[in-house]
PDB file of N, CA and C in Angstrom:
ATOM      1  N   GLN A   1     133.895  -4.102 -94.072  1.00  0.00           N
ATOM      2  CA  GLN A   1     135.259  -4.588 -94.107  1.00  0.00           C
ATOM      3  C   GLN A   1     136.253  -3.422 -94.015  1.00  0.00           C
ATOM      4  N   LEU A   2     135.981  -2.343 -94.738  1.00  0.00           N
ATOM      5  CA  LEU A   2     136.875  -1.190 -94.726  1.00  0.00           C
ATOM      6  C   LEU A   2     136.979  -0.591 -93.318  1.00  0.00           C
ATOM      7  N   TYR A   3     135.844  -0.482 -92.647  1.00  0.00           N
ATOM      8  CA  TYR A   3     135.843   0.034 -91.276  1.00  0.00           C
ATOM      9  C   TYR A   3     136.672  -0.868 -90.371  1.00  0.00           C
ATOM     10  N   ARG A   4     136.503  -2.182 -90.492  1.00  0.00           N
ATOM     11  CA  ARG A   4     137.271  -3.122 -89.660  1.00  0.00           C
ATOM     12  C   ARG A   4     138.768  -2.987 -89.921  1.00  0.00           C
ATOM     13  N   ASP A   5     139.140  -2.819 -91.182  1.00  0.00           N
ATOM     14  CA  ASP A   5     140.552  -2.658 -91.524  1.00  0.00           C
ATOM     15  C   ASP A   5     141.115  -1.363 -90.932  1.00  0.00           C
ATOM     16  N   ALA A   6     140.353  -0.282 -91.029  1.00  0.00           N
ATOM     17  CA  ALA A   6     140.798   1.003 -90.493  1.00  0.00           C
ATOM     18  C   ALA A   6     140.917   0.934 -88.969  1.00  0.00           C
ATOM     19  N   ARG A   7     139.961   0.285 -88.346  1.00  0.00           N
ATOM     20  CA  ARG A   7     139.995   0.121 -86.883  1.00  0.00           C
ATOM     21  C   ARG A   7     141.222  -0.696 -86.468  1.00  0.00           C
ATOM     22  N   GLU A   8     141.496  -1.759 -87.202  1.00  0.00           N
ATOM     23  CA  GLU A   8     142.665  -2.596 -86.909  1.00  0.00           C
ATOM     24  C   GLU A   8     143.959  -1.797 -87.108  1.00  0.00           C
ATOM     25  N   CYS A   9     143.996  -0.978 -88.148  1.00  0.00           N
ATOM     26  CA  CYS A   9     145.171  -0.150 -88.415  1.00  0.00           C
ATOM     27  C   CYS A   9     145.426   0.814 -87.253  1.00  0.00           C
ATOM     28  N   LEU A  10     144.388   1.462 -86.763  1.00  0.00           N
ATOM     29  CA  LEU A  10     144.539   2.366 -85.626  1.00  0.00           C
ATOM     30  C   LEU A  10     145.049   1.620 -84.394  1.00  0.00           C
ATOM     31  N   THR A  11     144.507   0.450 -84.153  1.00  0.00           N
ATOM     32  CA  THR A  11     144.933  -0.348 -83.001  1.00  0.00           C
ATOM     33  C   THR A  11     146.403  -0.736 -83.127  1.00  0.00           C
ATOM     34  N   LEU A  12     146.811  -1.146 -84.318  1.00  0.00           N
ATOM     35  CA  LEU A  12     148.210  -1.528 -84.533  1.00  0.00           C
ATOM     36  C   LEU A  12     149.140  -0.317 -84.386  1.00  0.00           C
ATOM     37  N   LEU A  13     148.717   0.845 -84.879  1.00  0.00           N
ATOM     38  CA  LEU A  13     149.521   2.053 -84.692  1.00  0.00           C
ATOM     39  C   LEU A  13     149.674   2.377 -83.206  1.00  0.00           C
ATOM     40  N   SER A  14     148.599   2.232 -82.469  1.00  0.00           N
ATOM     41  CA  SER A  14     148.632   2.484 -81.033  1.00  0.00           C
ATOM     42  C   SER A  14     149.605   1.529 -80.346  1.00  0.00           C
ATOM     43  N   GLN A  15     149.549   0.274 -80.714  1.00  0.00           N
ATOM     44  CA  GLN A  15     150.456  -0.719 -80.116  1.00  0.00           C
ATOM     45  C   GLN A  15     151.903  -0.409 -80.476  1.00  0.00           C
ATOM     46  N   ARG A  16     152.152  -0.017 -81.725  1.00  0.00           N
ATOM     47  CA  ARG A  16     153.523   0.276 -82.168  1.00  0.00           C
ATOM     48  C   ARG A  16     154.064   1.518 -81.474  1.00  0.00           C
ATOM     49  N   LEU A  17     153.234   2.541 -81.309  1.00  0.00           N
ATOM     50  CA  LEU A  17     153.669   3.765 -80.637  1.00  0.00           C
ATOM     51  C   LEU A  17     153.958   3.500 -79.165  1.00  0.00           C
ATOM     52  N   GLY A  18     153.098   2.722 -78.539  1.00  0.00           N
ATOM     53  CA  GLY A  18     153.280   2.437 -77.116  1.00  0.00           C
ATOM     54  C   GLY A  18     153.315   3.712 -76.304  1.00  0.00           C
ATOM     55  N   SER A  19     154.342   3.858 -75.471  1.00  0.00           N
ATOM     56  CA  SER A  19     154.460   5.056 -74.638  1.00  0.00           C
ATOM     57  C   SER A  19     155.528   6.014 -75.164  1.00  0.00           C
ATOM     58  N   GLN A  20     155.986   5.777 -76.386  1.00  0.00           N
ATOM     59  CA  GLN A  20     156.991   6.658 -76.976  1.00  0.00           C
ATOM     60  C   GLN A  20     156.363   7.989 -77.386  1.00  0.00           C
ATOM     61  N   LYS A  21     157.205   8.999 -77.499  1.00  0.00           N
ATOM     62  CA  LYS A  21     156.733  10.301 -77.953  1.00  0.00           C
ATOM     63  C   LYS A  21     156.475  10.283 -79.454  1.00  0.00           C
ATOM     64  N   PHE A  22     157.358   9.635 -80.212  1.00  0.00           N
ATOM     65  CA  PHE A  22     157.226   9.490 -81.654  1.00  0.00           C
ATOM     66  C   PHE A  22     157.452   8.025 -82.004  1.00  0.00           C
ATOM     67  N   PHE A  23     157.162   7.642 -83.228  1.00  0.00           N
ATOM     68  CA  PHE A  23     157.233   6.230 -83.598  1.00  0.00           C
ATOM     69  C   PHE A  23     158.638   5.641 -83.524  1.00  0.00           C
ATOM     70  N   PHE A  24     159.655   6.492 -83.699  1.00  0.00           N
ATOM     71  CA  PHE A  24     161.022   5.983 -83.626  1.00  0.00           C
ATOM     72  C   PHE A  24     161.799   6.622 -82.492  1.00  0.00           C
ATOM     73  N   GLY A  25     161.121   6.944 -81.403  1.00  0.00           N
ATOM     74  CA  GLY A  25     161.810   7.472 -80.231  1.00  0.00           C
ATOM     75  C   GLY A  25     161.457   8.899 -79.898  1.00  0.00           C
ATOM     76  N   ASP A  26     162.502   9.692 -79.605  1.00  0.00           N
ATOM     77  CA  ASP A  26     162.296  11.047 -79.092  1.00  0.00           C
ATOM     78  C   ASP A  26     162.232  12.137 -80.146  1.00  0.00           C
ATOM     79  N   SER A  27     162.506  11.801 -81.401  1.00  0.00           N
ATOM     80  CA  SER A  27     162.403  12.828 -82.438  1.00  0.00           C
ATOM     81  C   SER A  27     161.550  12.333 -83.598  1.00  0.00           C
ATOM     82  N   PRO A  28     160.845  13.261 -84.228  1.00  0.00           N
ATOM     83  CA  PRO A  28     159.923  12.874 -85.303  1.00  0.00           C
ATOM     84  C   PRO A  28     160.665  12.422 -86.561  1.00  0.00           C
ATOM     85  N   ALA A  29     160.028  11.536 -87.289  1.00  0.00           N
ATOM     86  CA  ALA A  29     160.530  11.052 -88.577  1.00  0.00           C
ATOM     87  C   ALA A  29     159.426  11.253 -89.614  1.00  0.00           C
ATOM     88  N   SER A  30     159.711  10.929 -90.845  1.00  0.00           N
ATOM     89  CA  SER A  30     158.710  11.109 -91.898  1.00  0.00           C
ATOM     90  C   SER A  30     157.456  10.283 -91.627  1.00  0.00           C
ATOM     91  N   LEU A  31     157.605   9.132 -90.975  1.00  0.00           N
ATOM     92  CA  LEU A  31     156.428   8.334 -90.624  1.00  0.00           C
ATOM     93  C   LEU A  31     155.502   9.120 -89.699  1.00  0.00           C
ATOM     94  N   ASP A  32     156.079   9.855 -88.768  1.00  0.00           N
ATOM     95  CA  ASP A  32     155.259  10.655 -87.855  1.00  0.00           C
ATOM     96  C   ASP A  32     154.464  11.712 -88.611  1.00  0.00           C
ATOM     97  N   ALA A  33     155.095  12.345 -89.587  1.00  0.00           N
ATOM     98  CA  ALA A  33     154.389  13.347 -90.393  1.00  0.00           C
ATOM     99  C   ALA A  33     153.232  12.700 -91.141  1.00  0.00           C
ATOM    100  N   PHE A  34     153.476  11.535 -91.699  1.00  0.00           N
ATOM    101  CA  PHE A  34     152.436  10.836 -92.450  1.00  0.00           C
ATOM    102  C   PHE A  34     151.284  10.409 -91.535  1.00  0.00           C
ATOM    103  N   VAL A  35     151.613   9.774 -90.426  1.00  0.00           N
ATOM    104  CA  VAL A  35     150.577   9.283 -89.510  1.00  0.00           C
ATOM    105  C   VAL A  35     149.788  10.458 -88.932  1.00  0.00           C
ATOM    106  N   PHE A  36     150.482  11.501 -88.495  1.00  0.00           N
ATOM    107  CA  PHE A  36     149.797  12.670 -87.946  1.00  0.00           C
ATOM    108  C   PHE A  36     148.843  13.282 -88.965  1.00  0.00           C
ATOM    109  N   SER A  37     149.275  13.334 -90.229  1.00  0.00           N
ATOM    110  CA  SER A  37     148.432  13.948 -91.267  1.00  0.00           C
ATOM    111  C   SER A  37     147.136  13.180 -91.492  1.00  0.00           C
ATOM    112  N   ARG A  38     147.114  11.925 -91.092  1.00  0.00           N
ATOM    113  CA  ARG A  38     145.895  11.120 -91.203  1.00  0.00           C
ATOM    114  C   ARG A  38     145.083  11.119 -89.912  1.00  0.00           C
ATOM    115  N   LEU A  39     145.776  11.119 -88.785  1.00  0.00           N
ATOM    116  CA  LEU A  39     145.074  11.024 -87.498  1.00  0.00           C
ATOM    117  C   LEU A  39     144.448  12.337 -87.054  1.00  0.00           C
ATOM    118  N   ALA A  40     145.152  13.439 -87.219  1.00  0.00           N
ATOM    119  CA  ALA A  40     144.652  14.721 -86.709  1.00  0.00           C
ATOM    120  C   ALA A  40     143.289  15.094 -87.290  1.00  0.00           C
ATOM    121  N   PRO A  41     143.090  15.008 -88.613  1.00  0.00           N
ATOM    122  CA  PRO A  41     141.745  15.326 -89.127  1.00  0.00           C
ATOM    123  C   PRO A  41     140.681  14.361 -88.605  1.00  0.00           C
ATOM    124  N   LEU A  42     141.033  13.095 -88.499  1.00  0.00           N
ATOM    125  CA  LEU A  42     140.078  12.109 -87.988  1.00  0.00           C
ATOM    126  C   LEU A  42     139.715  12.429 -86.538  1.00  0.00           C
ATOM    127  N   LEU A  43     140.686  12.888 -85.783  1.00  0.00           N
ATOM    128  CA  LEU A  43     140.451  13.204 -84.375  1.00  0.00           C
ATOM    129  C   LEU A  43     139.657  14.490 -84.204  1.00  0.00           C
ATOM    130  N   LYS A  44     139.910  15.488 -85.046  1.00  0.00           N
ATOM    131  CA  LYS A  44     139.343  16.827 -84.846  1.00  0.00           C
ATOM    132  C   LYS A  44     138.096  17.147 -85.665  1.00  0.00           C
ATOM    133  N   ALA A  45     137.905  16.489 -86.783  1.00  0.00           N
ATOM    134  CA  ALA A  45     136.793  16.840 -87.680  1.00  0.00           C
ATOM    135  C   ALA A  45     135.441  16.374 -87.141  1.00  0.00           C
ATOM    136  N   LYS A  46     134.403  17.093 -87.521  1.00  0.00           N
ATOM    137  CA  LYS A  46     133.041  16.646 -87.236  1.00  0.00           C
ATOM    138  C   LYS A  46     132.624  15.741 -88.379  1.00  0.00           C
ATOM    139  N   LEU A  47     132.349  14.510 -88.049  1.00  0.00           N
ATOM    140  CA  LEU A  47     132.053  13.511 -89.070  1.00  0.00           C
ATOM    141  C   LEU A  47     130.614  13.031 -88.975  1.00  0.00           C
ATOM    142  N   PRO A  48     130.005  12.693 -90.109  1.00  0.00           N
ATOM    143  CA  PRO A  48     128.628  12.197 -90.079  1.00  0.00           C
ATOM    144  C   PRO A  48     128.516  10.849 -89.364  1.00  0.00           C
ATOM    145  N   ASN A  49     129.537  10.010 -89.494  1.00  0.00           N
ATOM    146  CA  ASN A  49     129.561   8.731 -88.790  1.00  0.00           C
ATOM    147  C   ASN A  49     130.837   8.712 -87.961  1.00  0.00           C
ATOM    148  N   GLY A  50     130.694   8.758 -86.659  1.00  0.00           N
ATOM    149  CA  GLY A  50     131.847   8.895 -85.782  1.00  0.00           C
ATOM    150  C   GLY A  50     132.405   7.604 -85.227  1.00  0.00           C
ATOM    151  N   LYS A  51     132.066   6.458 -85.825  1.00  0.00           N
ATOM    152  CA  LYS A  51     132.532   5.181 -85.260  1.00  0.00           C
ATOM    153  C   LYS A  51     134.051   5.082 -85.215  1.00  0.00           C
ATOM    154  N   LEU A  52     134.696   5.428 -86.317  1.00  0.00           N
ATOM    155  CA  LEU A  52     136.154   5.332 -86.359  1.00  0.00           C
ATOM    156  C   LEU A  52     136.788   6.396 -85.463  1.00  0.00           C
ATOM    157  N   GLN A  53     136.182   7.573 -85.429  1.00  0.00           N
ATOM    158  CA  GLN A  53     136.666   8.637 -84.558  1.00  0.00           C
ATOM    159  C   GLN A  53     136.574   8.209 -83.091  1.00  0.00           C
ATOM    160  N   GLN A  54     135.482   7.566 -82.723  1.00  0.00           N
ATOM    161  CA  GLN A  54     135.327   7.088 -81.350  1.00  0.00           C
ATOM    162  C   GLN A  54     136.389   6.057 -81.008  1.00  0.00           C
ATOM    163  N   HIS A  55     136.706   5.187 -81.955  1.00  0.00           N
ATOM    164  CA  HIS A  55     137.759   4.200 -81.707  1.00  0.00           C
ATOM    165  C   HIS A  55     139.094   4.902 -81.494  1.00  0.00           C
ATOM    166  N   LEU A  56     139.402   5.892 -82.333  1.00  0.00           N
ATOM    167  CA  LEU A  56     140.645   6.641 -82.161  1.00  0.00           C
ATOM    168  C   LEU A  56     140.674   7.314 -80.793  1.00  0.00           C
ATOM    169  N   LYS A  57     139.569   7.907 -80.386  1.00  0.00           N
ATOM    170  CA  LYS A  57     139.516   8.580 -79.084  1.00  0.00           C
ATOM    171  C   LYS A  57     139.691   7.612 -77.920  1.00  0.00           C
ATOM    172  N   SER A  58     139.424   6.347 -78.147  1.00  0.00           N
ATOM    173  CA  SER A  58     139.626   5.349 -77.096  1.00  0.00           C
ATOM    174  C   SER A  58     141.090   4.925 -76.981  1.00  0.00           C
ATOM    175  N   LEU A  59     141.892   5.283 -77.960  1.00  0.00           N
ATOM    176  CA  LEU A  59     143.327   4.957 -77.958  1.00  0.00           C
ATOM    177  C   LEU A  59     144.078   6.184 -77.439  1.00  0.00           C
ATOM    178  N   GLN A  60     144.191   6.259 -76.132  1.00  0.00           N
ATOM    179  CA  GLN A  60     144.685   7.471 -75.478  1.00  0.00           C
ATOM    180  C   GLN A  60     146.078   7.869 -75.941  1.00  0.00           C
ATOM    181  N   ASN A  61     146.943   6.905 -76.210  1.00  0.00           N
ATOM    182  CA  ASN A  61     148.296   7.288 -76.613  1.00  0.00           C
ATOM    183  C   ASN A  61     148.299   7.963 -77.987  1.00  0.00           C
ATOM    184  N   LEU A  62     147.415   7.563 -78.889  1.00  0.00           N
ATOM    185  CA  LEU A  62     147.342   8.224 -80.189  1.00  0.00           C
ATOM    186  C   LEU A  62     146.750   9.630 -80.062  1.00  0.00           C
ATOM    187  N   CYS A  63     145.787   9.789 -79.176  1.00  0.00           N
ATOM    188  CA  CYS A  63     145.226  11.127 -78.923  1.00  0.00           C
ATOM    189  C   CYS A  63     146.298  12.042 -78.335  1.00  0.00           C
ATOM    190  N   ASN A  64     147.056  11.534 -77.368  1.00  0.00           N
ATOM    191  CA  ASN A  64     148.139  12.319 -76.766  1.00  0.00           C
ATOM    192  C   ASN A  64     149.212  12.659 -77.798  1.00  0.00           C
ATOM    193  N   TYR A  65     149.485  11.718 -78.681  1.00  0.00           N
ATOM    194  CA  TYR A  65     150.448  11.907 -79.762  1.00  0.00           C
ATOM    195  C   TYR A  65     150.025  13.082 -80.641  1.00  0.00           C
ATOM    196  N   CYS A  66     148.775  13.101 -81.058  1.00  0.00           N
ATOM    197  CA  CYS A  66     148.265  14.202 -81.892  1.00  0.00           C
ATOM    198  C   CYS A  66     148.294  15.522 -81.144  1.00  0.00           C
ATOM    199  N   THR A  67     147.865  15.516 -79.907  1.00  0.00           N
ATOM    200  CA  THR A  67     147.845  16.729 -79.098  1.00  0.00           C
ATOM    201  C   THR A  67     149.254  17.279 -78.907  1.00  0.00           C
ATOM    202  N   SER A  68     150.196  16.387 -78.666  1.00  0.00           N
ATOM    203  CA  SER A  68     151.581  16.798 -78.477  1.00  0.00           C
ATOM    204  C   SER A  68     152.149  17.433 -79.743  1.00  0.00           C
ATOM    205  N   ILE A  69     151.916  16.817 -80.885  1.00  0.00           N
ATOM    206  CA  ILE A  69     152.411  17.366 -82.153  1.00  0.00           C
ATOM    207  C   ILE A  69     151.743  18.706 -82.451  1.00  0.00           C
ATOM    208  N   LEU A  70     150.444  18.801 -82.194  1.00  0.00           N
ATOM    209  CA  LEU A  70     149.747  20.071 -82.406  1.00  0.00           C
ATOM    210  C   LEU A  70     150.349  21.184 -81.550  1.00  0.00           C
ATOM    211  N   SER A  71     150.617  20.901 -80.290  1.00  0.00           N
ATOM    212  CA  SER A  71     151.140  21.951 -79.415  1.00  0.00           C
ATOM    213  C   SER A  71     152.601  22.271 -79.718  1.00  0.00           C
ATOM    214  N   LEU A  72     153.373  21.272 -80.158  1.00  0.00           N
ATOM    215  CA  LEU A  72     154.786  21.510 -80.481  1.00  0.00           C
ATOM    216  C   LEU A  72     154.960  22.283 -81.788  1.00  0.00           C
ATOM    217  N   TYR A  73     154.240  21.871 -82.807  1.00  0.00           N
ATOM    218  CA  TYR A  73     154.490  22.387 -84.150  1.00  0.00           C
ATOM    219  C   TYR A  73     153.415  23.328 -84.680  1.00  0.00           C
ATOM    220  N   PHE A  74     152.275  23.378 -84.011  1.00  0.00           N
ATOM    221  CA  PHE A  74     151.176  24.259 -84.425  1.00  0.00           C
ATOM    222  C   PHE A  74     150.601  24.960 -83.193  1.00  0.00           C
ATOM    223  N   PRO A  75     151.421  25.677 -82.437  1.00  0.00           N
ATOM    224  CA  PRO A  75     150.939  26.237 -81.162  1.00  0.00           C
ATOM    225  C   PRO A  75     149.800  27.236 -81.332  1.00  0.00           C
ATOM    226  N   TRP A  76     149.730  27.910 -82.475  1.00  0.00           N
ATOM    227  CA  TRP A  76     148.654  28.881 -82.689  1.00  0.00           C
ATOM    228  C   TRP A  76     147.299  28.204 -82.850  1.00  0.00           C
ATOM    229  N   ASP A  77     147.287  26.900 -83.145  1.00  0.00           N
ATOM    230  CA  ASP A  77     146.027  26.179 -83.325  1.00  0.00           C
ATOM    231  C   ASP A  77     145.234  26.121 -82.023  1.00  0.00           C
ATOM    232  N   GLY A  78     145.932  26.178 -80.913  1.00  0.00           N
ATOM    233  CA  GLY A  78     145.261  26.135 -79.621  1.00  0.00           C
ATOM    234  C   GLY A  78     144.887  27.498 -79.105  1.00  0.00           C
ATOM    235  N   GLY A  79     145.066  28.530 -79.901  1.00  0.00           N
ATOM    236  CA  GLY A  79     144.705  29.870 -79.487  1.00  0.00           C
ATOM    237  C   GLY A  79     145.784  30.566 -78.686  1.00  0.00           C
ATOM    238  N   GLU A  80     146.937  29.890 -78.464  1.00  0.00           N
ATOM    239  CA  GLU A  80     147.988  30.493 -77.660  1.00  0.00           C
ATOM    240  C   GLU A  80     148.741  31.572 -78.436  1.00  0.00           C
ATOM    241  N   MET A  81     148.922  31.335 -79.723  1.00  0.00           N
ATOM    242  CA  MET A  81     149.652  32.276 -80.564  1.00  0.00           C
ATOM    243  C   MET A  81     148.914  32.391 -81.883  1.00  0.00           C
ATOM    244  N   HIS A  82     149.285  33.375 -82.658  1.00  0.00           N
ATOM    245  CA  HIS A  82     148.720  33.511 -83.993  1.00  0.00           C
ATOM    246  C   HIS A  82     149.713  32.928 -84.979  1.00  0.00           C
ATOM    247  N   PRO A  83     149.247  32.381 -86.091  1.00  0.00           N
ATOM    248  CA  PRO A  83     150.172  31.833 -87.086  1.00  0.00           C
ATOM    249  C   PRO A  83     151.068  32.937 -87.629  1.00  0.00           C
ATOM    250  N   PRO A  84     152.259  32.530 -88.076  1.00  0.00           N
ATOM    251  CA  PRO A  84     153.155  33.546 -88.634  1.00  0.00           C
ATOM    252  C   PRO A  84     152.501  34.258 -89.806  1.00  0.00           C
ATOM    253  N   THR A  85     152.735  35.558 -89.881  1.00  0.00           N
ATOM    254  CA  THR A  85     152.183  36.327 -90.997  1.00  0.00           C
ATOM    255  C   THR A  85     153.330  36.739 -91.897  1.00  0.00           C
ATOM    256  N   SER A  86     152.999  37.069 -93.091  1.00  0.00           N
ATOM    257  CA  SER A  86     154.026  37.516 -94.041  1.00  0.00           C
ATOM    258  C   SER A  86     154.452  38.932 -93.661  1.00  0.00           C
ATOM    259  N   PRO A  87     155.652  39.319 -94.052  1.00  0.00           N
ATOM    260  CA  PRO A  87     156.107  40.689 -93.734  1.00  0.00           C
ATOM    261  C   PRO A  87     155.274  41.763 -94.421  1.00  0.00           C
ATOM    262  N   HIS A  88     154.487  41.361 -95.398  1.00  0.00           N
ATOM    263  CA  HIS A  88     153.657  42.339 -96.129  1.00  0.00           C
ATOM    264  C   HIS A  88     152.245  42.451 -95.557  1.00  0.00           C
ATOM    265  N   GLY A  89     152.035  41.797 -94.412  1.00  0.00           N
ATOM    266  CA  GLY A  89     150.721  41.936 -93.788  1.00  0.00           C
ATOM    267  C   GLY A  89     149.857  40.820 -94.135  1.00  0.00           C
TER     268      GLY A  89
END
């Protein structure tokens, strides 16, 4: 039942996002931060049971959403840049 609920939640998020960049248009809101914080680990982590991950990967707009946020706000994650370091090294 829990898996079915999670799968349904992902599908509903995908439908709500549609072709928008963020859930409420062209700029991120707190909902985007919350949703991204749940989707990105599910999308990127190696999991013992990948059923839910496979469902997420089948929802292309949610995958693109995560990829877009990663490249916009975490560019060093893709190896393009290094994360900011403190002035003390």
